[in-house]
Amino acid sequence: MRPLCLVTVACLLTFAGPISSLAWSTGNPSTATMVLIAGASTKVCGEVYPDLRSALDEAYELWRRQNAETIRPIETHQDYPRTLEQSIADEKAAGRQPDRAVCELMVSAFYNNAWPLSDVDSARVGTEVGVVGLELNKNQEEEFWRVTRAIPGFDAHRQGMQPQDRVISVNGVSMKSRELPAVTGRLRGPAGTTIAVTVSRPGIETPITFQLRRAAWK
């Protein structure tokens, strides 16, 4: 199983030229470098995979707000906009296409505030991606994603989630009219962590909330 976040730093975008020229970067996975990679990766992934763009943008902005005190001084540095634009341009010119699975992991990393901002954070987030074991589907008329299968061996199945349950919120955030990457991005997270998934079930008036523990996908 891939680490939740380090895979994106290692495999998604290299930015070797622009990063080496940063006066405010150490040459290691510095805070400035991580912020730069996060911004450029979000832009490139969103352009290559338009169906992920909405979830990526939402998750990225949430991450920026949660870490505003650290990120704002970097983004307001006079060299940041130019370096970000050059990084994106170089990546496009090289013809490298980011792996879709890595871009999907970015959504989870941002939603879970697991994108590293320092060398210490990089070590901390080298954990496996955890899932709760749900397969989802919906038609165009439906507002919420519907469970089609709770996979045996995972917490959703153990706790009794059923086909036709509709996922209405994750950790208190409404999933109404959300695209699938936004829903799965919130359901995923570091293995061993717990999330609250609230569903509506046909024939039961009151929503049901499950506390589900994420487990690594083997």
C-alpha atoms as a PDB file:
ATOM      1  CA  MET A   1       0.000   0.000   0.000  1.00  0.00           C
ATOM      2  CA  ARG A   2       1.285   3.452  -0.868  1.00  0.00           C
ATOM      3  CA  PRO A   3       1.969   6.031   1.833  1.00  0.00           C
ATOM      4  CA  LEU A   4      -0.799   8.596   2.073  1.00  0.00           C
ATOM      5  CA  CYS A   5       1.248  11.577   1.047  1.00  0.00           C
ATOM      6  CA  LEU A   6       4.922  10.894   0.425  1.00  0.00           C
ATOM      7  CA  VAL A   7       4.079   9.092  -2.806  1.00  0.00           C
ATOM      8  CA  THR A   8       2.944  12.405  -4.277  1.00  0.00           C
ATOM      9  CA  VAL A   9       6.145  14.168  -3.291  1.00  0.00           C
ATOM     10  CA  ALA A  10       8.309  11.357  -4.612  1.00  0.00           C
ATOM     11  CA  CYS A  11       6.458  10.378  -7.764  1.00  0.00           C
ATOM     12  CA  LEU A  12       4.196  13.152  -9.008  1.00  0.00           C
ATOM     13  CA  LEU A  13       6.249  16.198  -9.951  1.00  0.00           C
ATOM     14  CA  THR A  14      10.010  16.736  -9.849  1.00  0.00           C
ATOM     15  CA  PHE A  15      10.421  20.523 -10.179  1.00  0.00           C
ATOM     16  CA  ALA A  16      14.189  19.988  -9.979  1.00  0.00           C
ATOM     17  CA  GLY A  17      15.148  23.191 -11.784  1.00  0.00           C
ATOM     18  CA  PRO A  18      12.754  25.652 -10.132  1.00  0.00           C
ATOM     19  CA  ILE A  19      13.246  24.253  -6.635  1.00  0.00           C
ATOM     20  CA  SER A  20      17.044  24.345  -6.849  1.00  0.00           C
ATOM     21  CA  SER A  21      16.827  28.046  -7.698  1.00  0.00           C
ATOM     22  CA  LEU A  22      14.693  29.003  -4.685  1.00  0.00           C
ATOM     23  CA  ALA A  23      16.557  31.324  -2.379  1.00  0.00           C
ATOM     24  CA  TRP A  24      14.103  30.425   0.383  1.00  0.00           C
ATOM     25  CA  SER A  25      14.386  26.647  -0.038  1.00  0.00           C
ATOM     26  CA  THR A  26      16.939  24.389   1.676  1.00  0.00           C
ATOM     27  CA  GLY A  27      17.260  21.828  -1.111  1.00  0.00           C
ATOM     28  CA  ASN A  28      15.626  19.240   1.184  1.00  0.00           C
ATOM     29  CA  PRO A  29      11.849  18.767   1.535  1.00  0.00           C
ATOM     30  CA  SER A  30      11.623  22.254   3.061  1.00  0.00           C
ATOM     31  CA  THR A  31       8.372  23.962   3.919  1.00  0.00           C
ATOM     32  CA  ALA A  32       8.620  26.253   0.903  1.00  0.00           C
ATOM     33  CA  THR A  33       9.264  23.290  -1.383  1.00  0.00           C
ATOM     34  CA  MET A  34       6.284  21.356  -0.014  1.00  0.00           C
ATOM     35  CA  VAL A  35       3.983  24.343  -0.472  1.00  0.00           C
ATOM     36  CA  LEU A  36       5.242  24.829  -4.014  1.00  0.00           C
ATOM     37  CA  ILE A  37       4.737  21.162  -4.923  1.00  0.00           C
ATOM     38  CA  ALA A  38       1.245  21.198  -3.396  1.00  0.00           C
ATOM     39  CA  GLY A  39       0.161  24.189  -5.474  1.00  0.00           C
ATOM     40  CA  ALA A  40       1.693  23.007  -8.719  1.00  0.00           C
ATOM     41  CA  SER A  41       0.500  19.409  -8.294  1.00  0.00           C
ATOM     42  CA  THR A  42      -3.059  20.582  -7.668  1.00  0.00           C
ATOM     43  CA  LYS A  43      -3.001  22.653 -10.838  1.00  0.00           C
ATOM     44  CA  VAL A  44      -1.479  19.946 -13.049  1.00  0.00           C
ATOM     45  CA  CYS A  45      -3.666  17.113 -11.724  1.00  0.00           C
ATOM     46  CA  GLY A  46      -6.787  19.225 -12.164  1.00  0.00           C
ATOM     47  CA  GLU A  47      -5.931  19.966 -15.786  1.00  0.00           C
ATOM     48  CA  VAL A  48      -5.045  16.377 -16.671  1.00  0.00           C
ATOM     49  CA  TYR A  49      -8.066  14.888 -14.836  1.00  0.00           C
ATOM     50  CA  PRO A  50     -10.951  17.411 -15.049  1.00  0.00           C
ATOM     51  CA  ASP A  51     -13.291  15.138 -13.066  1.00  0.00           C
ATOM     52  CA  LEU A  52     -10.926  15.467 -10.069  1.00  0.00           C
ATOM     53  CA  ARG A  53     -10.595  19.245 -10.292  1.00  0.00           C
ATOM     54  CA  SER A  54     -13.481  20.213  -8.040  1.00  0.00           C
ATOM     55  CA  ALA A  55     -12.465  17.835  -5.233  1.00  0.00           C
ATOM     56  CA  LEU A  56      -8.801  18.785  -5.564  1.00  0.00           C
ATOM     57  CA  ASP A  57      -9.531  22.512  -5.406  1.00  0.00           C
ATOM     58  CA  GLU A  58     -11.830  22.140  -2.398  1.00  0.00           C
ATOM     59  CA  ALA A  59      -9.399  19.917  -0.496  1.00  0.00           C
ATOM     60  CA  TYR A  60      -6.417  22.122  -1.375  1.00  0.00           C
ATOM     61  CA  GLU A  61      -8.160  25.285  -0.159  1.00  0.00           C
ATOM     62  CA  LEU A  62      -9.145  23.540   3.068  1.00  0.00           C
ATOM     63  CA  TRP A  63      -5.502  22.550   3.623  1.00  0.00           C
ATOM     64  CA  ARG A  64      -4.342  26.114   2.919  1.00  0.00           C
ATOM     65  CA  ARG A  65      -6.807  27.531   5.444  1.00  0.00           C
ATOM     66  CA  GLN A  66      -5.816  24.992   8.096  1.00  0.00           C
ATOM     67  CA  ASN A  67      -2.151  25.904   7.670  1.00  0.00           C
ATOM     68  CA  ALA A  68      -2.523  29.591   6.785  1.00  0.00           C
ATOM     69  CA  GLU A  69      -0.031  30.797   9.386  1.00  0.00           C
ATOM     70  CA  THR A  70       2.718  28.712   7.799  1.00  0.00           C
ATOM     71  CA  ILE A  71       1.683  28.941   4.145  1.00  0.00           C
ATOM     72  CA  ARG A  72       0.788  32.634   3.815  1.00  0.00           C
ATOM     73  CA  PRO A  73       4.365  33.987   4.263  1.00  0.00           C
ATOM     74  CA  ILE A  74       5.560  31.605   1.557  1.00  0.00           C
ATOM     75  CA  GLU A  75       2.808  32.387  -0.936  1.00  0.00           C
ATOM     76  CA  THR A  76       3.300  36.126  -0.436  1.00  0.00           C
ATOM     77  CA  HIS A  77       7.058  35.924  -1.054  1.00  0.00           C
ATOM     78  CA  GLN A  78       7.956  37.895  -4.143  1.00  0.00           C
ATOM     79  CA  ASP A  79       9.512  34.869  -5.868  1.00  0.00           C
ATOM     80  CA  TYR A  80       6.653  32.440  -5.215  1.00  0.00           C
ATOM     81  CA  PRO A  81       4.235  33.291  -8.097  1.00  0.00           C
ATOM     82  CA  ARG A  82       7.001  33.234 -10.698  1.00  0.00           C
ATOM     83  CA  THR A  83       8.457  29.977  -9.391  1.00  0.00           C
ATOM     84  CA  LEU A  84       5.034  28.316  -9.254  1.00  0.00           C
ATOM     85  CA  GLU A  85       4.234  29.310 -12.835  1.00  0.00           C
ATOM     86  CA  GLN A  86       7.655  28.125 -14.025  1.00  0.00           C
ATOM     87  CA  SER A  87       7.255  24.797 -12.231  1.00  0.00           C
ATOM     88  CA  ILE A  88       3.908  24.155 -13.910  1.00  0.00           C
ATOM     89  CA  ALA A  89       5.259  25.219 -17.315  1.00  0.00           C
ATOM     90  CA  ASP A  90       8.327  22.980 -17.002  1.00  0.00           C
ATOM     91  CA  GLU A  91       6.182  20.002 -16.032  1.00  0.00           C
ATOM     92  CA  LYS A  92       3.936  20.483 -19.067  1.00  0.00           C
ATOM     93  CA  ALA A  93       6.907  20.965 -21.379  1.00  0.00           C
ATOM     94  CA  ALA A  94       8.446  17.710 -20.152  1.00  0.00           C
ATOM     95  CA  GLY A  95       5.309  15.855 -21.210  1.00  0.00           C
ATOM     96  CA  ARG A  96       5.004  14.014 -17.917  1.00  0.00           C
ATOM     97  CA  GLN A  97       1.476  12.977 -16.956  1.00  0.00           C
ATOM     98  CA  PRO A  98       0.757  12.453 -13.255  1.00  0.00           C
ATOM     99  CA  ASP A  99      -0.594   9.094 -12.185  1.00  0.00           C
ATOM    100  CA  ARG A 100      -4.330   9.313 -11.524  1.00  0.00           C
ATOM    101  CA  ALA A 101      -4.096   7.230  -8.348  1.00  0.00           C
ATOM    102  CA  VAL A 102      -1.525   9.671  -6.981  1.00  0.00           C
ATOM    103  CA  CYS A 103      -3.781  12.639  -7.779  1.00  0.00           C
ATOM    104  CA  GLU A 104      -6.641  10.906  -5.961  1.00  0.00           C
ATOM    105  CA  LEU A 105      -4.370  10.376  -2.941  1.00  0.00           C
ATOM    106  CA  MET A 106      -3.658  14.102  -2.936  1.00  0.00           C
ATOM    107  CA  VAL A 107      -7.354  14.772  -2.289  1.00  0.00           C
ATOM    108  CA  SER A 108      -7.224  12.555   0.801  1.00  0.00           C
ATOM    109  CA  ALA A 109      -3.915  14.051   1.943  1.00  0.00           C
ATOM    110  CA  PHE A 110      -5.315  17.584   1.794  1.00  0.00           C
ATOM    111  CA  TYR A 111      -8.658  16.686   3.390  1.00  0.00           C
ATOM    112  CA  ASN A 112      -6.844  14.931   6.249  1.00  0.00           C
ATOM    113  CA  ASN A 113      -4.257  17.725   6.592  1.00  0.00           C
ATOM    114  CA  ALA A 114      -1.601  15.088   5.945  1.00  0.00           C
ATOM    115  CA  TRP A 115       0.427  16.941   3.292  1.00  0.00           C
ATOM    116  CA  PRO A 116       3.849  17.467   4.933  1.00  0.00           C
ATOM    117  CA  LEU A 117       5.110  20.975   5.686  1.00  0.00           C
ATOM    118  CA  SER A 118       8.501  19.963   7.084  1.00  0.00           C
ATOM    119  CA  ASP A 119      10.991  17.119   7.208  1.00  0.00           C
ATOM    120  CA  VAL A 120       9.433  15.999  10.497  1.00  0.00           C
ATOM    121  CA  ASP A 121       5.980  15.951   8.908  1.00  0.00           C
ATOM    122  CA  SER A 122       7.357  13.965   5.975  1.00  0.00           C
ATOM    123  CA  ALA A 123       8.362  11.179   8.320  1.00  0.00           C
ATOM    124  CA  ARG A 124       5.083  11.375  10.224  1.00  0.00           C
ATOM    125  CA  VAL A 125       2.854  10.966   7.189  1.00  0.00           C
ATOM    126  CA  GLY A 126       4.660   7.946   5.795  1.00  0.00           C
ATOM    127  CA  THR A 127       1.672   5.873   6.831  1.00  0.00           C
ATOM    128  CA  GLU A 128      -0.545   3.625   4.780  1.00  0.00           C
ATOM    129  CA  VAL A 129      -3.742   4.815   3.187  1.00  0.00           C
ATOM    130  CA  GLY A 130      -6.771   3.524   5.051  1.00  0.00           C
ATOM    131  CA  VAL A 131     -10.242   2.779   3.663  1.00  0.00           C
ATOM    132  CA  VAL A 132     -13.537   1.800   5.276  1.00  0.00           C
ATOM    133  CA  GLY A 133     -14.495  -0.666   2.546  1.00  0.00           C
ATOM    134  CA  LEU A 134     -17.392   0.886   0.655  1.00  0.00           C
ATOM    135  CA  GLU A 135     -18.329   0.679  -3.010  1.00  0.00           C
ATOM    136  CA  LEU A 136     -20.585   3.547  -4.107  1.00  0.00           C
ATOM    137  CA  ASN A 137     -22.776   4.445  -7.060  1.00  0.00           C
ATOM    138  CA  LYS A 138     -25.582   6.829  -7.999  1.00  0.00           C
ATOM    139  CA  ASN A 139     -27.567   7.925 -11.009  1.00  0.00           C
ATOM    140  CA  GLN A 140     -27.842  11.503 -12.275  1.00  0.00           C
ATOM    141  CA  GLU A 141     -31.082  12.145 -10.387  1.00  0.00           C
ATOM    142  CA  GLU A 142     -29.722  11.131  -6.980  1.00  0.00           C
ATOM    143  CA  GLU A 143     -28.198  13.705  -4.630  1.00  0.00           C
ATOM    144  CA  PHE A 144     -26.234  11.273  -2.448  1.00  0.00           C
ATOM    145  CA  TRP A 145     -23.932   8.379  -3.265  1.00  0.00           C
ATOM    146  CA  ARG A 146     -25.491   5.000  -2.554  1.00  0.00           C
ATOM    147  CA  VAL A 147     -23.687   1.999  -1.064  1.00  0.00           C
ATOM    148  CA  THR A 148     -23.632  -0.889  -3.510  1.00  0.00           C
ATOM    149  CA  ARG A 149     -21.379  -3.108  -1.393  1.00  0.00           C
ATOM    150  CA  ALA A 150     -19.780  -3.113   2.052  1.00  0.00           C
ATOM    151  CA  ILE A 151     -16.607  -5.124   1.506  1.00  0.00           C
ATOM    152  CA  PRO A 152     -16.062  -8.022   3.944  1.00  0.00           C
ATOM    153  CA  GLY A 153     -13.059  -7.566   6.174  1.00  0.00           C
ATOM    154  CA  PHE A 154     -13.490  -3.801   6.555  1.00  0.00           C
ATOM    155  CA  ASP A 155     -15.238  -1.808   9.248  1.00  0.00           C
ATOM    156  CA  ALA A 156     -18.205  -0.723   7.142  1.00  0.00           C
ATOM    157  CA  HIS A 157     -19.158  -4.383   6.685  1.00  0.00           C
ATOM    158  CA  ARG A 158     -18.430  -5.329  10.291  1.00  0.00           C
ATOM    159  CA  GLN A 159     -20.626  -2.549  11.617  1.00  0.00           C
ATOM    160  CA  GLY A 160     -23.566  -3.371   9.403  1.00  0.00           C
ATOM    161  CA  MET A 161     -23.610  -0.844   6.578  1.00  0.00           C
ATOM    162  CA  GLN A 162     -25.868  -2.121   3.819  1.00  0.00           C
ATOM    163  CA  PRO A 163     -26.500  -1.735   0.103  1.00  0.00           C
ATOM    164  CA  GLN A 164     -28.883   1.177  -0.548  1.00  0.00           C
ATOM    165  CA  ASP A 165     -27.553   3.152   2.426  1.00  0.00           C
ATOM    166  CA  ARG A 166     -26.963   6.706   1.206  1.00  0.00           C
ATOM    167  CA  VAL A 167     -23.894   8.547   2.489  1.00  0.00           C
ATOM    168  CA  ILE A 168     -25.215  11.929   3.626  1.00  0.00           C
ATOM    169  CA  SER A 169     -22.207  13.192   5.593  1.00  0.00           C
ATOM    170  CA  VAL A 170     -18.613  12.364   6.542  1.00  0.00           C
ATOM    171  CA  ASN A 171     -17.333  13.824   9.806  1.00  0.00           C
ATOM    172  CA  GLY A 172     -20.281  16.200   9.783  1.00  0.00           C
ATOM    173  CA  VAL A 173     -19.621  17.528   6.265  1.00  0.00           C
ATOM    174  CA  SER A 174     -22.572  17.107   3.901  1.00  0.00           C
ATOM    175  CA  MET A 175     -21.972  14.924   0.856  1.00  0.00           C
ATOM    176  CA  LYS A 176     -25.016  16.260  -0.991  1.00  0.00           C
ATOM    177  CA  SER A 177     -24.365  16.680  -4.725  1.00  0.00           C
ATOM    178  CA  ARG A 178     -20.648  15.972  -4.269  1.00  0.00           C
ATOM    179  CA  GLU A 179     -18.605  14.374  -7.015  1.00  0.00           C
ATOM    180  CA  LEU A 180     -17.242  10.913  -6.246  1.00  0.00           C
ATOM    181  CA  PRO A 181     -13.597  12.011  -5.727  1.00  0.00           C
ATOM    182  CA  ALA A 182     -14.754  14.453  -3.039  1.00  0.00           C
ATOM    183  CA  VAL A 183     -16.605  11.670  -1.208  1.00  0.00           C
ATOM    184  CA  THR A 184     -13.879   9.034  -1.481  1.00  0.00           C
ATOM    185  CA  GLY A 185     -11.268  11.662  -0.613  1.00  0.00           C
ATOM    186  CA  ARG A 186     -12.955  12.194   2.756  1.00  0.00           C
ATOM    187  CA  LEU A 187     -13.572   8.487   3.355  1.00  0.00           C
ATOM    188  CA  ARG A 188      -9.885   7.687   2.873  1.00  0.00           C
ATOM    189  CA  GLY A 189      -7.214   8.689   5.335  1.00  0.00           C
ATOM    190  CA  PRO A 190      -4.349   7.336   7.419  1.00  0.00           C
ATOM    191  CA  ALA A 191      -4.875   3.694   8.332  1.00  0.00           C
ATOM    192  CA  GLY A 192      -6.002   3.313  11.932  1.00  0.00           C
ATOM    193  CA  THR A 193      -7.880   6.609  12.120  1.00  0.00           C
ATOM    194  CA  THR A 194     -11.645   6.797  12.696  1.00  0.00           C
ATOM    195  CA  ILE A 195     -14.312   8.768  10.837  1.00  0.00           C
ATOM    196  CA  ALA A 196     -18.024   9.333  11.373  1.00  0.00           C
ATOM    197  CA  VAL A 197     -20.123   8.309   8.371  1.00  0.00           C
ATOM    198  CA  THR A 198     -23.815   9.190   8.494  1.00  0.00           C
ATOM    199  CA  VAL A 199     -26.242   7.436   6.169  1.00  0.00           C
ATOM    200  CA  SER A 200     -29.922   7.425   5.410  1.00  0.00           C
ATOM    201  CA  ARG A 201     -31.466   3.970   5.093  1.00  0.00           C
ATOM    202  CA  PRO A 202     -34.668   3.141   3.221  1.00  0.00           C
ATOM    203  CA  GLY A 203     -37.499   2.505   5.671  1.00  0.00           C
ATOM    204  CA  ILE A 204     -35.758   4.226   8.595  1.00  0.00           C
ATOM    205  CA  GLU A 205     -36.612   7.866   9.246  1.00  0.00           C
ATOM    206  CA  THR A 206     -33.654   8.780  11.460  1.00  0.00           C
ATOM    207  CA  PRO A 207     -30.142   8.891   9.913  1.00  0.00           C
ATOM    208  CA  ILE A 208     -27.622   6.374  11.229  1.00  0.00           C
ATOM    209  CA  THR A 209     -24.056   7.364  12.133  1.00  0.00           C
ATOM    210  CA  PHE A 210     -21.265   4.804  12.037  1.00  0.00           C
ATOM    211  CA  GLN A 211     -17.850   5.315  13.623  1.00  0.00           C
ATOM    212  CA  LEU A 212     -15.632   3.538  11.116  1.00  0.00           C
ATOM    213  CA  ARG A 213     -11.978   2.714  11.538  1.00  0.00           C
ATOM    214  CA  ARG A 214      -9.903   2.943   8.378  1.00  0.00           C
ATOM    215  CA  ALA A 215      -7.782  -0.062   7.487  1.00  0.00           C
ATOM    216  CA  ALA A 216      -5.023  -0.521   4.921  1.00  0.00           C
ATOM    217  CA  TRP A 217      -6.096  -2.008   1.607  1.00  0.00           C
ATOM    218  CA  LYS A 218      -4.157  -5.225   1.230  1.00  0.00           C
END
